[in-house]
Amino acid sequence: MSLEEYMKEKLWTILVETVHASVMYPTHKAYTREPILQEKPDITASELANRLSMSFGEALVILHELAEERKSSA
């Protein structure tokens, strides 16, 4: 499934809320933004989840949010 397909699911908003409630969310997002995406800009959610020992859902949400940030700053 692509990220767009996941976002169309009814439970996407619940996933986002759950990820945002995680204590590690800000740290994971910041670490993904700086060294990880600079090193490998095309990292997949599975790779990110494995690398940071986080859930696949958290990786999806973080990658989506960072992609949106890049679009809005461009």
N, C-alpha and C. Protein backbone atom coordinates (compact mmCIF):
# COMPACT_ATOMS: atom_id res chain seq x y z
N MET A 1 0.84 -1.19 0.00
CA MET A 1 0.00 0.00 0.00
C MET A 1 0.88 1.24 0.00
N SER A 2 0.44 2.25 -0.72
CA SER A 2 1.17 3.52 -0.73
C SER A 2 0.69 4.38 0.43
N LEU A 3 1.47 5.42 0.71
CA LEU A 3 1.11 6.34 1.79
C LEU A 3 -0.26 6.96 1.53
N GLU A 4 -0.54 7.30 0.29
CA GLU A 4 -1.83 7.90 -0.05
C GLU A 4 -2.98 6.95 0.25
N GLU A 5 -2.76 5.66 0.01
CA GLU A 5 -3.80 4.67 0.31
C GLU A 5 -4.03 4.55 1.81
N TYR A 6 -2.95 4.60 2.59
CA TYR A 6 -3.10 4.56 4.05
C TYR A 6 -3.87 5.78 4.54
N MET A 7 -3.60 6.93 3.96
CA MET A 7 -4.25 8.17 4.39
C MET A 7 -5.75 8.16 4.11
N LYS A 8 -6.18 7.39 3.14
CA LYS A 8 -7.60 7.31 2.79
C LYS A 8 -8.38 6.40 3.74
N GLU A 9 -7.66 5.60 4.51
CA GLU A 9 -8.32 4.70 5.46
C GLU A 9 -9.01 5.49 6.56
N LYS A 10 -10.12 4.96 7.05
CA LYS A 10 -10.91 5.64 8.09
C LYS A 10 -10.12 5.81 9.39
N LEU A 11 -9.20 4.92 9.67
CA LEU A 11 -8.47 4.96 10.93
C LEU A 11 -7.21 5.84 10.88
N TRP A 12 -6.94 6.49 9.75
CA TRP A 12 -5.75 7.32 9.62
C TRP A 12 -5.70 8.41 10.70
N THR A 13 -6.80 9.09 10.94
CA THR A 13 -6.79 10.17 11.92
C THR A 13 -6.53 9.65 13.33
N ILE A 14 -7.02 8.47 13.62
CA ILE A 14 -6.76 7.87 14.93
C ILE A 14 -5.28 7.50 15.05
N LEU A 15 -4.70 6.99 13.98
CA LEU A 15 -3.27 6.67 13.98
C LEU A 15 -2.45 7.93 14.23
N VAL A 16 -2.78 9.01 13.55
CA VAL A 16 -2.04 10.27 13.72
C VAL A 16 -2.15 10.75 15.16
N GLU A 17 -3.34 10.72 15.74
CA GLU A 17 -3.52 11.14 17.13
C GLU A 17 -2.71 10.27 18.08
N THR A 18 -2.70 8.98 17.83
CA THR A 18 -1.95 8.04 18.68
C THR A 18 -0.45 8.31 18.59
N VAL A 19 0.03 8.53 17.40
CA VAL A 19 1.46 8.83 17.22
C VAL A 19 1.82 10.13 17.92
N HIS A 20 0.98 11.15 17.77
CA HIS A 20 1.26 12.43 18.41
C HIS A 20 1.27 12.33 19.93
N ALA A 21 0.58 11.37 20.48
CA ALA A 21 0.54 11.17 21.93
C ALA A 21 1.78 10.44 22.47
N SER A 22 2.55 9.86 21.58
CA SER A 22 3.73 9.11 22.00
C SER A 22 4.80 10.04 22.57
N VAL A 23 5.41 9.63 23.66
CA VAL A 23 6.48 10.41 24.28
C VAL A 23 7.68 10.57 23.34
N MET A 24 7.95 9.57 22.55
CA MET A 24 9.12 9.59 21.67
C MET A 24 8.87 10.27 20.33
N TYR A 25 7.62 10.63 20.04
CA TYR A 25 7.29 11.22 18.74
C TYR A 25 8.16 12.43 18.38
N PRO A 26 8.28 13.44 19.24
CA PRO A 26 9.09 14.61 18.85
C PRO A 26 10.55 14.25 18.57
N THR A 27 11.09 13.36 19.37
CA THR A 27 12.48 12.94 19.19
C THR A 27 12.65 12.16 17.89
N HIS A 28 11.76 11.22 17.65
CA HIS A 28 11.83 10.44 16.41
C HIS A 28 11.68 11.33 15.18
N LYS A 29 10.76 12.29 15.25
CA LYS A 29 10.54 13.17 14.10
C LYS A 29 11.77 14.05 13.85
N ALA A 30 12.33 14.61 14.90
CA ALA A 30 13.51 15.47 14.75
C ALA A 30 14.70 14.67 14.21
N TYR A 31 14.89 13.47 14.74
CA TYR A 31 16.01 12.64 14.28
C TYR A 31 15.81 12.20 12.83
N THR A 32 14.59 11.94 12.46
CA THR A 32 14.30 11.57 11.07
C THR A 32 14.57 12.75 10.15
N ARG A 33 14.17 13.94 10.57
CA ARG A 33 14.34 15.15 9.76
C ARG A 33 15.81 15.44 9.48
N GLU A 34 16.62 15.42 10.51
CA GLU A 34 18.01 15.84 10.37
C GLU A 34 18.92 14.75 9.78
N PRO A 35 19.42 13.82 10.54
CA PRO A 35 20.41 12.95 9.92
C PRO A 35 19.84 11.91 8.95
N ILE A 36 18.69 11.36 9.24
CA ILE A 36 18.21 10.24 8.42
C ILE A 36 17.81 10.68 7.01
N LEU A 37 16.96 11.70 6.90
CA LEU A 37 16.52 12.11 5.57
C LEU A 37 17.63 12.78 4.77
N GLN A 38 18.60 13.37 5.45
CA GLN A 38 19.74 13.93 4.73
C GLN A 38 20.61 12.82 4.16
N GLU A 39 20.72 11.74 4.91
CA GLU A 39 21.52 10.60 4.47
C GLU A 39 20.79 9.78 3.41
N LYS A 40 19.48 9.57 3.61
CA LYS A 40 18.70 8.73 2.69
C LYS A 40 17.31 9.35 2.51
N PRO A 41 17.17 10.29 1.58
CA PRO A 41 15.89 10.99 1.41
C PRO A 41 14.73 10.12 0.95
N ASP A 42 15.02 8.97 0.38
CA ASP A 42 13.96 8.09 -0.13
C ASP A 42 13.70 6.90 0.80
N ILE A 43 14.00 7.04 2.08
CA ILE A 43 13.80 5.95 3.04
C ILE A 43 12.32 5.56 3.10
N THR A 44 12.06 4.28 3.21
CA THR A 44 10.68 3.82 3.32
C THR A 44 10.25 3.78 4.78
N ALA A 45 8.96 3.69 4.98
CA ALA A 45 8.44 3.60 6.35
C ALA A 45 8.94 2.34 7.05
N SER A 46 9.04 1.25 6.33
CA SER A 46 9.55 0.00 6.92
C SER A 46 11.00 0.15 7.36
N GLU A 47 11.81 0.75 6.51
CA GLU A 47 13.21 0.96 6.86
C GLU A 47 13.36 1.87 8.07
N LEU A 48 12.57 2.94 8.09
CA LEU A 48 12.63 3.88 9.20
C LEU A 48 12.18 3.20 10.49
N ALA A 49 11.12 2.45 10.42
CA ALA A 49 10.62 1.74 11.61
C ALA A 49 11.68 0.79 12.15
N ASN A 50 12.34 0.07 11.28
CA ASN A 50 13.39 -0.86 11.72
C ASN A 50 14.59 -0.12 12.28
N ARG A 51 14.96 0.95 11.64
CA ARG A 51 16.16 1.69 12.06
C ARG A 51 15.99 2.33 13.44
N LEU A 52 14.79 2.85 13.72
CA LEU A 52 14.56 3.54 14.99
C LEU A 52 13.76 2.70 15.99
N SER A 53 13.50 1.47 15.67
CA SER A 53 12.72 0.58 16.54
C SER A 53 11.39 1.21 16.95
N MET A 54 10.69 1.71 15.98
CA MET A 54 9.37 2.30 16.19
C MET A 54 8.35 1.51 15.39
N SER A 55 7.09 1.80 15.62
CA SER A 55 6.05 1.10 14.87
C SER A 55 6.01 1.60 13.42
N PHE A 56 5.51 0.75 12.55
CA PHE A 56 5.33 1.11 11.15
C PHE A 56 4.40 2.32 11.02
N GLY A 57 3.35 2.35 11.85
CA GLY A 57 2.40 3.47 11.82
C GLY A 57 3.06 4.79 12.17
N GLU A 58 3.92 4.78 13.19
CA GLU A 58 4.62 6.01 13.57
C GLU A 58 5.53 6.46 12.43
N ALA A 59 6.21 5.53 11.81
CA ALA A 59 7.09 5.87 10.69
C ALA A 59 6.28 6.47 9.54
N LEU A 60 5.12 5.91 9.24
CA LEU A 60 4.27 6.45 8.18
C LEU A 60 3.87 7.89 8.48
N VAL A 61 3.41 8.14 9.69
CA VAL A 61 2.95 9.47 10.06
C VAL A 61 4.11 10.47 9.99
N ILE A 62 5.26 10.10 10.52
CA ILE A 62 6.41 11.01 10.51
C ILE A 62 6.85 11.32 9.08
N LEU A 63 6.97 10.32 8.24
CA LEU A 63 7.37 10.57 6.85
C LEU A 63 6.36 11.44 6.12
N HIS A 64 5.08 11.20 6.38
CA HIS A 64 4.04 12.02 5.76
C HIS A 64 4.15 13.48 6.21
N GLU A 65 4.30 13.70 7.50
CA GLU A 65 4.39 15.06 8.02
C GLU A 65 5.64 15.78 7.52
N LEU A 66 6.74 15.09 7.45
CA LEU A 66 7.97 15.73 6.96
C LEU A 66 7.88 16.03 5.47
N ALA A 67 7.22 15.18 4.71
CA ALA A 67 7.01 15.45 3.29
C ALA A 67 6.13 16.68 3.11
N GLU A 68 5.10 16.81 3.93
CA GLU A 68 4.22 17.98 3.87
C GLU A 68 4.99 19.25 4.24
N GLU A 69 5.87 19.17 5.23
CA GLU A 69 6.68 20.32 5.62
C GLU A 69 7.59 20.75 4.48
N ARG A 70 8.19 19.80 3.79
CA ARG A 70 9.06 20.12 2.67
C ARG A 70 8.27 20.78 1.54
N LYS A 71 7.05 20.30 1.29
CA LYS A 71 6.22 20.89 0.23
C LYS A 71 5.85 22.33 0.57
N SER A 72 5.49 22.58 1.82
CA SER A 72 5.04 23.92 2.19
C SER A 72 6.19 24.92 2.27
N SER A 73 7.42 24.43 2.49
CA SER A 73 8.56 25.34 2.57
C SER A 73 9.18 25.58 1.20
N ALA A 74 8.80 24.79 0.22
CA ALA A 74 9.38 24.93 -1.13
C ALA A 74 8.69 26.00 -1.94
